Amino acid sequence: PMPFVDLPNAPQARNGPKMARPEPFDGERAKCRTFIRNIEVYVFVNAYQFPNEATKVLFLLSYVQGKKVDNWKNTMTGRVLEWAWT
């Protein structure tokens, strides 16, 4: 007989409230607080999708878009990935 091997479970779909994804942030200061709050709520409700701080920050950065913020986003993404890989 084959020995029983305990394999890690694949991530399960969660049955919970469906939250709208955040609107992209284009660098407009007046929208910053709302953007961050929307990210926080989404990450909180979908915590199972974010196993560490790097995934949370990369999720946030994926919604930062536009000419005003592209250079900053690329710099920060590189820093997070460098930090996560060490």
PDB file of N, CA and C in Angstrom:
ATOM      1  N   PRO A   1       0.827  -1.202   0.000  1.00  0.00           N
ATOM      2  CA  PRO A   1       0.000   0.000   0.000  1.00  0.00           C
ATOM      3  C   PRO A   1       0.868   1.261   0.000  1.00  0.00           C
ATOM      4  N   MET A   2       0.343   2.295  -0.604  1.00  0.00           N
ATOM      5  CA  MET A   2       1.035   3.582  -0.661  1.00  0.00           C
ATOM      6  C   MET A   2       0.905   4.300   0.676  1.00  0.00           C
ATOM      7  N   PRO A   3       1.980   4.927   1.154  1.00  0.00           N
ATOM      8  CA  PRO A   3       1.866   5.695   2.392  1.00  0.00           C
ATOM      9  C   PRO A   3       1.018   6.941   2.162  1.00  0.00           C
ATOM     10  N   PHE A   4       0.331   7.356   3.191  1.00  0.00           N
ATOM     11  CA  PHE A   4      -0.480   8.565   3.128  1.00  0.00           C
ATOM     12  C   PHE A   4       0.443   9.771   3.207  1.00  0.00           C
ATOM     13  N   VAL A   5       0.293  10.674   2.281  1.00  0.00           N
ATOM     14  CA  VAL A   5       1.094  11.894   2.270  1.00  0.00           C
ATOM     15  C   VAL A   5       0.151  13.074   2.433  1.00  0.00           C
ATOM     16  N   ASP A   6       0.444  13.888   3.412  1.00  0.00           N
ATOM     17  CA  ASP A   6      -0.373  15.074   3.660  1.00  0.00           C
ATOM     18  C   ASP A   6       0.126  16.217   2.784  1.00  0.00           C
ATOM     19  N   LEU A   7      -0.637  16.552   1.764  1.00  0.00           N
ATOM     20  CA  LEU A   7      -0.261  17.621   0.850  1.00  0.00           C
ATOM     21  C   LEU A   7      -0.908  18.925   1.294  1.00  0.00           C
ATOM     22  N   PRO A   8      -0.224  20.040   1.062  1.00  0.00           N
ATOM     23  CA  PRO A   8      -0.842  21.318   1.424  1.00  0.00           C
ATOM     24  C   PRO A   8      -2.095  21.556   0.597  1.00  0.00           C
ATOM     25  N   ASN A   9      -3.059  22.176   1.212  1.00  0.00           N
ATOM     26  CA  ASN A   9      -4.310  22.474   0.520  1.00  0.00           C
ATOM     27  C   ASN A   9      -4.120  23.631  -0.444  1.00  0.00           C
ATOM     28  N   ALA A  10      -4.787  23.536  -1.561  1.00  0.00           N
ATOM     29  CA  ALA A  10      -4.810  24.657  -2.498  1.00  0.00           C
ATOM     30  C   ALA A  10      -5.674  25.754  -1.896  1.00  0.00           C
ATOM     31  N   PRO A  11      -5.409  27.003  -2.246  1.00  0.00           N
ATOM     32  CA  PRO A  11      -6.260  28.073  -1.732  1.00  0.00           C
ATOM     33  C   PRO A  11      -7.716  27.815  -2.100  1.00  0.00           C
ATOM     34  N   GLN A  12      -8.576  27.975  -1.150  1.00  0.00           N
ATOM     35  CA  GLN A  12      -9.997  27.740  -1.345  1.00  0.00           C
ATOM     36  C   GLN A  12     -10.709  29.051  -1.673  1.00  0.00           C
ATOM     37  N   ALA A  13     -11.696  28.965  -2.523  1.00  0.00           N
ATOM     38  CA  ALA A  13     -12.537  30.130  -2.769  1.00  0.00           C
ATOM     39  C   ALA A  13     -13.337  30.388  -1.503  1.00  0.00           C
ATOM     40  N   ARG A  14     -13.483  31.613  -1.151  1.00  0.00           N
ATOM     41  CA  ARG A  14     -14.196  31.983   0.071  1.00  0.00           C
ATOM     42  C   ARG A  14     -15.600  32.451  -0.282  1.00  0.00           C
ATOM     43  N   ASN A  15     -16.538  32.028   0.523  1.00  0.00           N
ATOM     44  CA  ASN A  15     -17.903  32.513   0.375  1.00  0.00           C
ATOM     45  C   ASN A  15     -18.097  33.621   1.390  1.00  0.00           C
ATOM     46  N   GLY A  16     -18.034  34.806   0.957  1.00  0.00           N
ATOM     47  CA  GLY A  16     -18.176  35.957   1.828  1.00  0.00           C
ATOM     48  C   GLY A  16     -18.643  37.132   1.002  1.00  0.00           C
ATOM     49  N   PRO A  17     -18.610  38.284   1.601  1.00  0.00           N
ATOM     50  CA  PRO A  17     -19.065  39.454   0.852  1.00  0.00           C
ATOM     51  C   PRO A  17     -18.154  39.730  -0.337  1.00  0.00           C
ATOM     52  N   LYS A  18     -18.751  40.055  -1.430  1.00  0.00           N
ATOM     53  CA  LYS A  18     -17.988  40.439  -2.619  1.00  0.00           C
ATOM     54  C   LYS A  18     -17.715  41.937  -2.518  1.00  0.00           C
ATOM     55  N   MET A  19     -16.463  42.284  -2.546  1.00  0.00           N
ATOM     56  CA  MET A  19     -16.079  43.684  -2.434  1.00  0.00           C
ATOM     57  C   MET A  19     -15.646  44.193  -3.802  1.00  0.00           C
ATOM     58  N   ALA A  20     -16.019  45.404  -4.088  1.00  0.00           N
ATOM     59  CA  ALA A  20     -15.564  46.029  -5.329  1.00  0.00           C
ATOM     60  C   ALA A  20     -14.060  46.246  -5.249  1.00  0.00           C
ATOM     61  N   ARG A  21     -13.399  46.043  -6.360  1.00  0.00           N
ATOM     62  CA  ARG A  21     -11.964  46.330  -6.397  1.00  0.00           C
ATOM     63  C   ARG A  21     -11.781  47.847  -6.361  1.00  0.00           C
ATOM     64  N   PRO A  22     -10.667  48.285  -5.801  1.00  0.00           N
ATOM     65  CA  PRO A  22     -10.425  49.728  -5.725  1.00  0.00           C
ATOM     66  C   PRO A  22     -10.284  50.358  -7.112  1.00  0.00           C
ATOM     67  N   GLU A  23     -10.629  51.622  -7.197  1.00  0.00           N
ATOM     68  CA  GLU A  23     -10.374  52.385  -8.419  1.00  0.00           C
ATOM     69  C   GLU A  23      -8.878  52.668  -8.486  1.00  0.00           C
ATOM     70  N   PRO A  24      -8.293  52.687  -9.668  1.00  0.00           N
ATOM     71  CA  PRO A  24      -6.872  53.038  -9.781  1.00  0.00           C
ATOM     72  C   PRO A  24      -6.604  54.437  -9.220  1.00  0.00           C
ATOM     73  N   PHE A  25      -5.405  54.620  -8.713  1.00  0.00           N
ATOM     74  CA  PHE A  25      -4.982  55.908  -8.160  1.00  0.00           C
ATOM     75  C   PHE A  25      -3.987  56.544  -9.115  1.00  0.00           C
ATOM     76  N   ASP A  26      -4.268  57.788  -9.513  1.00  0.00           N
ATOM     77  CA  ASP A  26      -3.430  58.463 -10.507  1.00  0.00           C
ATOM     78  C   ASP A  26      -2.512  59.519  -9.909  1.00  0.00           C
ATOM     79  N   GLY A  27      -2.440  59.577  -8.595  1.00  0.00           N
ATOM     80  CA  GLY A  27      -1.561  60.538  -7.948  1.00  0.00           C
ATOM     81  C   GLY A  27      -2.255  61.799  -7.480  1.00  0.00           C
ATOM     82  N   GLU A  28      -3.550  61.925  -7.727  1.00  0.00           N
ATOM     83  CA  GLU A  28      -4.281  63.115  -7.296  1.00  0.00           C
ATOM     84  C   GLU A  28      -4.434  63.086  -5.775  1.00  0.00           C
ATOM     85  N   ARG A  29      -3.827  64.063  -5.124  1.00  0.00           N
ATOM     86  CA  ARG A  29      -3.765  64.078  -3.654  1.00  0.00           C
ATOM     87  C   ARG A  29      -5.140  64.010  -2.996  1.00  0.00           C
ATOM     88  N   ALA A  30      -6.121  64.651  -3.573  1.00  0.00           N
ATOM     89  CA  ALA A  30      -7.455  64.678  -2.978  1.00  0.00           C
ATOM     90  C   ALA A  30      -8.086  63.287  -2.904  1.00  0.00           C
ATOM     91  N   LYS A  31      -7.612  62.363  -3.736  1.00  0.00           N
ATOM     92  CA  LYS A  31      -8.179  61.014  -3.767  1.00  0.00           C
ATOM     93  C   LYS A  31      -7.351  59.995  -2.980  1.00  0.00           C
ATOM     94  N   CYS A  32      -6.226  60.413  -2.441  1.00  0.00           N
ATOM     95  CA  CYS A  32      -5.288  59.484  -1.806  1.00  0.00           C
ATOM     96  C   CYS A  32      -5.889  58.768  -0.598  1.00  0.00           C
ATOM     97  N   ARG A  33      -6.486  59.501   0.316  1.00  0.00           N
ATOM     98  CA  ARG A  33      -7.031  58.892   1.537  1.00  0.00           C
ATOM     99  C   ARG A  33      -8.111  57.862   1.208  1.00  0.00           C
ATOM    100  N   THR A  34      -8.993  58.193   0.285  1.00  0.00           N
ATOM    101  CA  THR A  34     -10.046  57.258  -0.115  1.00  0.00           C
ATOM    102  C   THR A  34      -9.449  56.024  -0.775  1.00  0.00           C
ATOM    103  N   PHE A  35      -8.456  56.216  -1.624  1.00  0.00           N
ATOM    104  CA  PHE A  35      -7.792  55.086  -2.278  1.00  0.00           C
ATOM    105  C   PHE A  35      -7.189  54.140  -1.241  1.00  0.00           C
ATOM    106  N   ILE A  36      -6.450  54.676  -0.304  1.00  0.00           N
ATOM    107  CA  ILE A  36      -5.817  53.833   0.716  1.00  0.00           C
ATOM    108  C   ILE A  36      -6.870  53.116   1.549  1.00  0.00           C
ATOM    109  N   ARG A  37      -7.928  53.799   1.930  1.00  0.00           N
ATOM    110  CA  ARG A  37      -9.000  53.162   2.710  1.00  0.00           C
ATOM    111  C   ARG A  37      -9.640  52.037   1.911  1.00  0.00           C
ATOM    112  N   ASN A  38      -9.892  52.240   0.631  1.00  0.00           N
ATOM    113  CA  ASN A  38     -10.482  51.191  -0.204  1.00  0.00           C
ATOM    114  C   ASN A  38      -9.561  49.984  -0.320  1.00  0.00           C
ATOM    115  N   ILE A  39      -8.255  50.221  -0.433  1.00  0.00           N
ATOM    116  CA  ILE A  39      -7.285  49.121  -0.455  1.00  0.00           C
ATOM    117  C   ILE A  39      -7.340  48.370   0.868  1.00  0.00           C
ATOM    118  N   GLU A  40      -7.336  49.096   1.986  1.00  0.00           N
ATOM    119  CA  GLU A  40      -7.366  48.457   3.307  1.00  0.00           C
ATOM    120  C   GLU A  40      -8.597  47.575   3.479  1.00  0.00           C
ATOM    121  N   VAL A  41      -9.750  48.071   3.065  1.00  0.00           N
ATOM    122  CA  VAL A  41     -10.988  47.294   3.185  1.00  0.00           C
ATOM    123  C   VAL A  41     -10.912  46.047   2.310  1.00  0.00           C
ATOM    124  N   TYR A  42     -10.460  46.200   1.075  1.00  0.00           N
ATOM    125  CA  TYR A  42     -10.378  45.048   0.173  1.00  0.00           C
ATOM    126  C   TYR A  42      -9.429  43.990   0.722  1.00  0.00           C
ATOM    127  N   VAL A  43      -8.271  44.403   1.194  1.00  0.00           N
ATOM    128  CA  VAL A  43      -7.287  43.461   1.735  1.00  0.00           C
ATOM    129  C   VAL A  43      -7.830  42.790   2.994  1.00  0.00           C
ATOM    130  N   PHE A  44      -8.512  43.533   3.842  1.00  0.00           N
ATOM    131  CA  PHE A  44      -9.083  42.963   5.064  1.00  0.00           C
ATOM    132  C   PHE A  44     -10.107  41.881   4.735  1.00  0.00           C
ATOM    133  N   VAL A  45     -11.016  42.171   3.821  1.00  0.00           N
ATOM    134  CA  VAL A  45     -12.076  41.221   3.476  1.00  0.00           C
ATOM    135  C   VAL A  45     -11.513  40.005   2.732  1.00  0.00           C
ATOM    136  N   ASN A  46     -10.441  40.194   2.008  1.00  0.00           N
ATOM    137  CA  ASN A  46      -9.833  39.120   1.217  1.00  0.00           C
ATOM    138  C   ASN A  46      -8.469  38.721   1.773  1.00  0.00           C
ATOM    139  N   ALA A  47      -8.341  38.714   3.076  1.00  0.00           N
ATOM    140  CA  ALA A  47      -7.050  38.482   3.734  1.00  0.00           C
ATOM    141  C   ALA A  47      -6.395  37.174   3.297  1.00  0.00           C
ATOM    142  N   TYR A  48      -7.180  36.156   2.991  1.00  0.00           N
ATOM    143  CA  TYR A  48      -6.627  34.861   2.586  1.00  0.00           C
ATOM    144  C   TYR A  48      -5.800  34.967   1.299  1.00  0.00           C
ATOM    145  N   GLN A  49      -6.011  36.014   0.516  1.00  0.00           N
ATOM    146  CA  GLN A  49      -5.265  36.203  -0.733  1.00  0.00           C
ATOM    147  C   GLN A  49      -3.935  36.923  -0.525  1.00  0.00           C
ATOM    148  N   PHE A  50      -3.713  37.408   0.693  1.00  0.00           N
ATOM    149  CA  PHE A  50      -2.537  38.226   0.976  1.00  0.00           C
ATOM    150  C   PHE A  50      -1.765  37.625   2.145  1.00  0.00           C
ATOM    151  N   PRO A  51      -0.920  36.624   1.872  1.00  0.00           N
ATOM    152  CA  PRO A  51      -0.250  35.900   2.954  1.00  0.00           C
ATOM    153  C   PRO A  51       0.863  36.670   3.645  1.00  0.00           C
ATOM    154  N   ASN A  52       1.301  37.788   3.072  1.00  0.00           N
ATOM    155  CA  ASN A  52       2.379  38.548   3.705  1.00  0.00           C
ATOM    156  C   ASN A  52       2.276  40.021   3.310  1.00  0.00           C
ATOM    157  N   GLU A  53       3.108  40.822   3.942  1.00  0.00           N
ATOM    158  CA  GLU A  53       3.065  42.264   3.695  1.00  0.00           C
ATOM    159  C   GLU A  53       3.436  42.614   2.251  1.00  0.00           C
ATOM    160  N   ALA A  54       4.362  41.873   1.671  1.00  0.00           N
ATOM    161  CA  ALA A  54       4.776  42.170   0.296  1.00  0.00           C
ATOM    162  C   ALA A  54       3.604  42.040  -0.672  1.00  0.00           C
ATOM    163  N   THR A  55       2.773  41.011  -0.514  1.00  0.00           N
ATOM    164  CA  THR A  55       1.636  40.853  -1.429  1.00  0.00           C
ATOM    165  C   THR A  55       0.634  41.990  -1.257  1.00  0.00           C
ATOM    166  N   LYS A  56       0.486  42.478  -0.039  1.00  0.00           N
ATOM    167  CA  LYS A  56      -0.420  43.613   0.196  1.00  0.00           C
ATOM    168  C   LYS A  56       0.091  44.866  -0.506  1.00  0.00           C
ATOM    169  N   VAL A  57       1.372  45.144  -0.344  1.00  0.00           N
ATOM    170  CA  VAL A  57       1.942  46.348  -0.947  1.00  0.00           C
ATOM    171  C   VAL A  57       1.947  46.237  -2.469  1.00  0.00           C
ATOM    172  N   LEU A  58       2.282  45.071  -2.994  1.00  0.00           N
ATOM    173  CA  LEU A  58       2.274  44.899  -4.448  1.00  0.00           C
ATOM    174  C   LEU A  58       0.866  45.028  -5.015  1.00  0.00           C
ATOM    175  N   PHE A  59      -0.135  44.561  -4.274  1.00  0.00           N
ATOM    176  CA  PHE A  59      -1.520  44.746  -4.706  1.00  0.00           C
ATOM    177  C   PHE A  59      -1.837  46.233  -4.796  1.00  0.00           C
ATOM    178  N   LEU A  60      -1.494  46.973  -3.753  1.00  0.00           N
ATOM    179  CA  LEU A  60      -1.723  48.414  -3.758  1.00  0.00           C
ATOM    180  C   LEU A  60      -1.009  49.052  -4.949  1.00  0.00           C
ATOM    181  N   LEU A  61       0.251  48.726  -5.132  1.00  0.00           N
ATOM    182  CA  LEU A  61       1.022  49.327  -6.225  1.00  0.00           C
ATOM    183  C   LEU A  61       0.447  48.990  -7.598  1.00  0.00           C
ATOM    184  N   SER A  62      -0.205  47.849  -7.717  1.00  0.00           N
ATOM    185  CA  SER A  62      -0.795  47.480  -9.006  1.00  0.00           C
ATOM    186  C   SER A  62      -1.943  48.405  -9.400  1.00  0.00           C
ATOM    187  N   TYR A  63      -2.483  49.143  -8.434  1.00  0.00           N
ATOM    188  CA  TYR A  63      -3.567  50.087  -8.703  1.00  0.00           C
ATOM    189  C   TYR A  63      -3.083  51.530  -8.805  1.00  0.00           C
ATOM    190  N   VAL A  64      -1.787  51.749  -8.712  1.00  0.00           N
ATOM    191  CA  VAL A  64      -1.200  53.073  -8.894  1.00  0.00           C
ATOM    192  C   VAL A  64      -0.815  53.179 -10.365  1.00  0.00           C
ATOM    193  N   GLN A  65      -1.447  54.116 -11.062  1.00  0.00           N
ATOM    194  CA  GLN A  65      -1.279  54.191 -12.518  1.00  0.00           C
ATOM    195  C   GLN A  65      -1.292  55.639 -12.984  1.00  0.00           C
ATOM    196  N   GLY A  66      -0.493  55.920 -13.967  1.00  0.00           N
ATOM    197  CA  GLY A  66      -0.527  57.242 -14.589  1.00  0.00           C
ATOM    198  C   GLY A  66       0.827  57.916 -14.623  1.00  0.00           C
ATOM    199  N   LYS A  67       0.934  58.927 -15.457  1.00  0.00           N
ATOM    200  CA  LYS A  67       2.205  59.617 -15.674  1.00  0.00           C
ATOM    201  C   LYS A  67       2.768  60.226 -14.393  1.00  0.00           C
ATOM    202  N   LYS A  68       1.903  60.762 -13.537  1.00  0.00           N
ATOM    203  CA  LYS A  68       2.372  61.404 -12.306  1.00  0.00           C
ATOM    204  C   LYS A  68       3.057  60.421 -11.368  1.00  0.00           C
ATOM    205  N   VAL A  69       2.669  59.166 -11.428  1.00  0.00           N
ATOM    206  CA  VAL A  69       3.111  58.208 -10.407  1.00  0.00           C
ATOM    207  C   VAL A  69       3.886  57.011 -10.947  1.00  0.00           C
ATOM    208  N   ASP A  70       4.051  56.902 -12.249  1.00  0.00           N
ATOM    209  CA  ASP A  70       4.713  55.719 -12.818  1.00  0.00           C
ATOM    210  C   ASP A  70       6.141  55.519 -12.312  1.00  0.00           C
ATOM    211  N   ASN A  71       6.946  56.578 -12.279  1.00  0.00           N
ATOM    212  CA  ASN A  71       8.326  56.429 -11.801  1.00  0.00           C
ATOM    213  C   ASN A  71       8.356  55.986 -10.348  1.00  0.00           C
ATOM    214  N   TRP A  72       7.536  56.623  -9.521  1.00  0.00           N
ATOM    215  CA  TRP A  72       7.468  56.258  -8.102  1.00  0.00           C
ATOM    216  C   TRP A  72       7.024  54.806  -7.948  1.00  0.00           C
ATOM    217  N   LYS A  73       5.996  54.414  -8.695  1.00  0.00           N
ATOM    218  CA  LYS A  73       5.489  53.038  -8.626  1.00  0.00           C
ATOM    219  C   LYS A  73       6.581  52.037  -8.995  1.00  0.00           C
ATOM    220  N   ASN A  74       7.298  52.282 -10.070  1.00  0.00           N
ATOM    221  CA  ASN A  74       8.346  51.357 -10.493  1.00  0.00           C
ATOM    222  C   ASN A  74       9.453  51.248  -9.455  1.00  0.00           C
ATOM    223  N   THR A  75       9.837  52.376  -8.862  1.00  0.00           N
ATOM    224  CA  THR A  75      10.855  52.359  -7.811  1.00  0.00           C
ATOM    225  C   THR A  75      10.382  51.553  -6.613  1.00  0.00           C
ATOM    226  N   MET A  76       9.169  51.810  -6.165  1.00  0.00           N
ATOM    227  CA  MET A  76       8.645  51.125  -4.983  1.00  0.00           C
ATOM    228  C   MET A  76       8.431  49.636  -5.249  1.00  0.00           C
ATOM    229  N   THR A  77       7.960  49.289  -6.433  1.00  0.00           N
ATOM    230  CA  THR A  77       7.778  47.878  -6.773  1.00  0.00           C
ATOM    231  C   THR A  77       9.114  47.150  -6.723  1.00  0.00           C
ATOM    232  N   GLY A  78      10.145  47.756  -7.274  1.00  0.00           N
ATOM    233  CA  GLY A  78      11.477  47.159  -7.221  1.00  0.00           C
ATOM    234  C   GLY A  78      11.964  46.967  -5.798  1.00  0.00           C
ATOM    235  N   ARG A  79      11.732  47.951  -4.943  1.00  0.00           N
ATOM    236  CA  ARG A  79      12.158  47.847  -3.541  1.00  0.00           C
ATOM    237  C   ARG A  79      11.422  46.734  -2.812  1.00  0.00           C
ATOM    238  N   VAL A  80      10.125  46.643  -3.042  1.00  0.00           N
ATOM    239  CA  VAL A  80       9.339  45.595  -2.374  1.00  0.00           C
ATOM    240  C   VAL A  80       9.806  44.220  -2.832  1.00  0.00           C
ATOM    241  N   LEU A  81       9.999  44.047  -4.115  1.00  0.00           N
ATOM    242  CA  LEU A  81      10.449  42.745  -4.621  1.00  0.00           C
ATOM    243  C   LEU A  81      11.839  42.401  -4.098  1.00  0.00           C
ATOM    244  N   GLU A  82      12.721  43.379  -4.050  1.00  0.00           N
ATOM    245  CA  GLU A  82      14.067  43.144  -3.513  1.00  0.00           C
ATOM    246  C   GLU A  82      13.986  42.727  -2.044  1.00  0.00           C
ATOM    247  N   TRP A  83      13.159  43.428  -1.283  1.00  0.00           N
ATOM    248  CA  TRP A  83      12.970  43.107   0.138  1.00  0.00           C
ATOM    249  C   TRP A  83      12.358  41.715   0.306  1.00  0.00           C
ATOM    250  N   ALA A  84      11.367  41.390  -0.522  1.00  0.00           N
ATOM    251  CA  ALA A  84      10.663  40.108  -0.388  1.00  0.00           C
ATOM    252  C   ALA A  84      11.557  38.930  -0.750  1.00  0.00           C
ATOM    253  N   TRP A  85      12.510  39.128  -1.635  1.00  0.00           N
ATOM    254  CA  TRP A  85      13.364  38.030  -2.088  1.00  0.00           C
ATOM    255  C   TRP A  85      14.579  37.809  -1.212  1.00  0.00           C
ATOM    256  N   THR A  86      14.790  38.684  -0.225  1.00  0.00           N
ATOM    257  CA  THR A  86      15.967  38.504   0.642  1.00  0.00           C
ATOM    258  C   THR A  86      15.597  37.834   1.940  1.00  0.00           C
TER     259      THR A  86
END
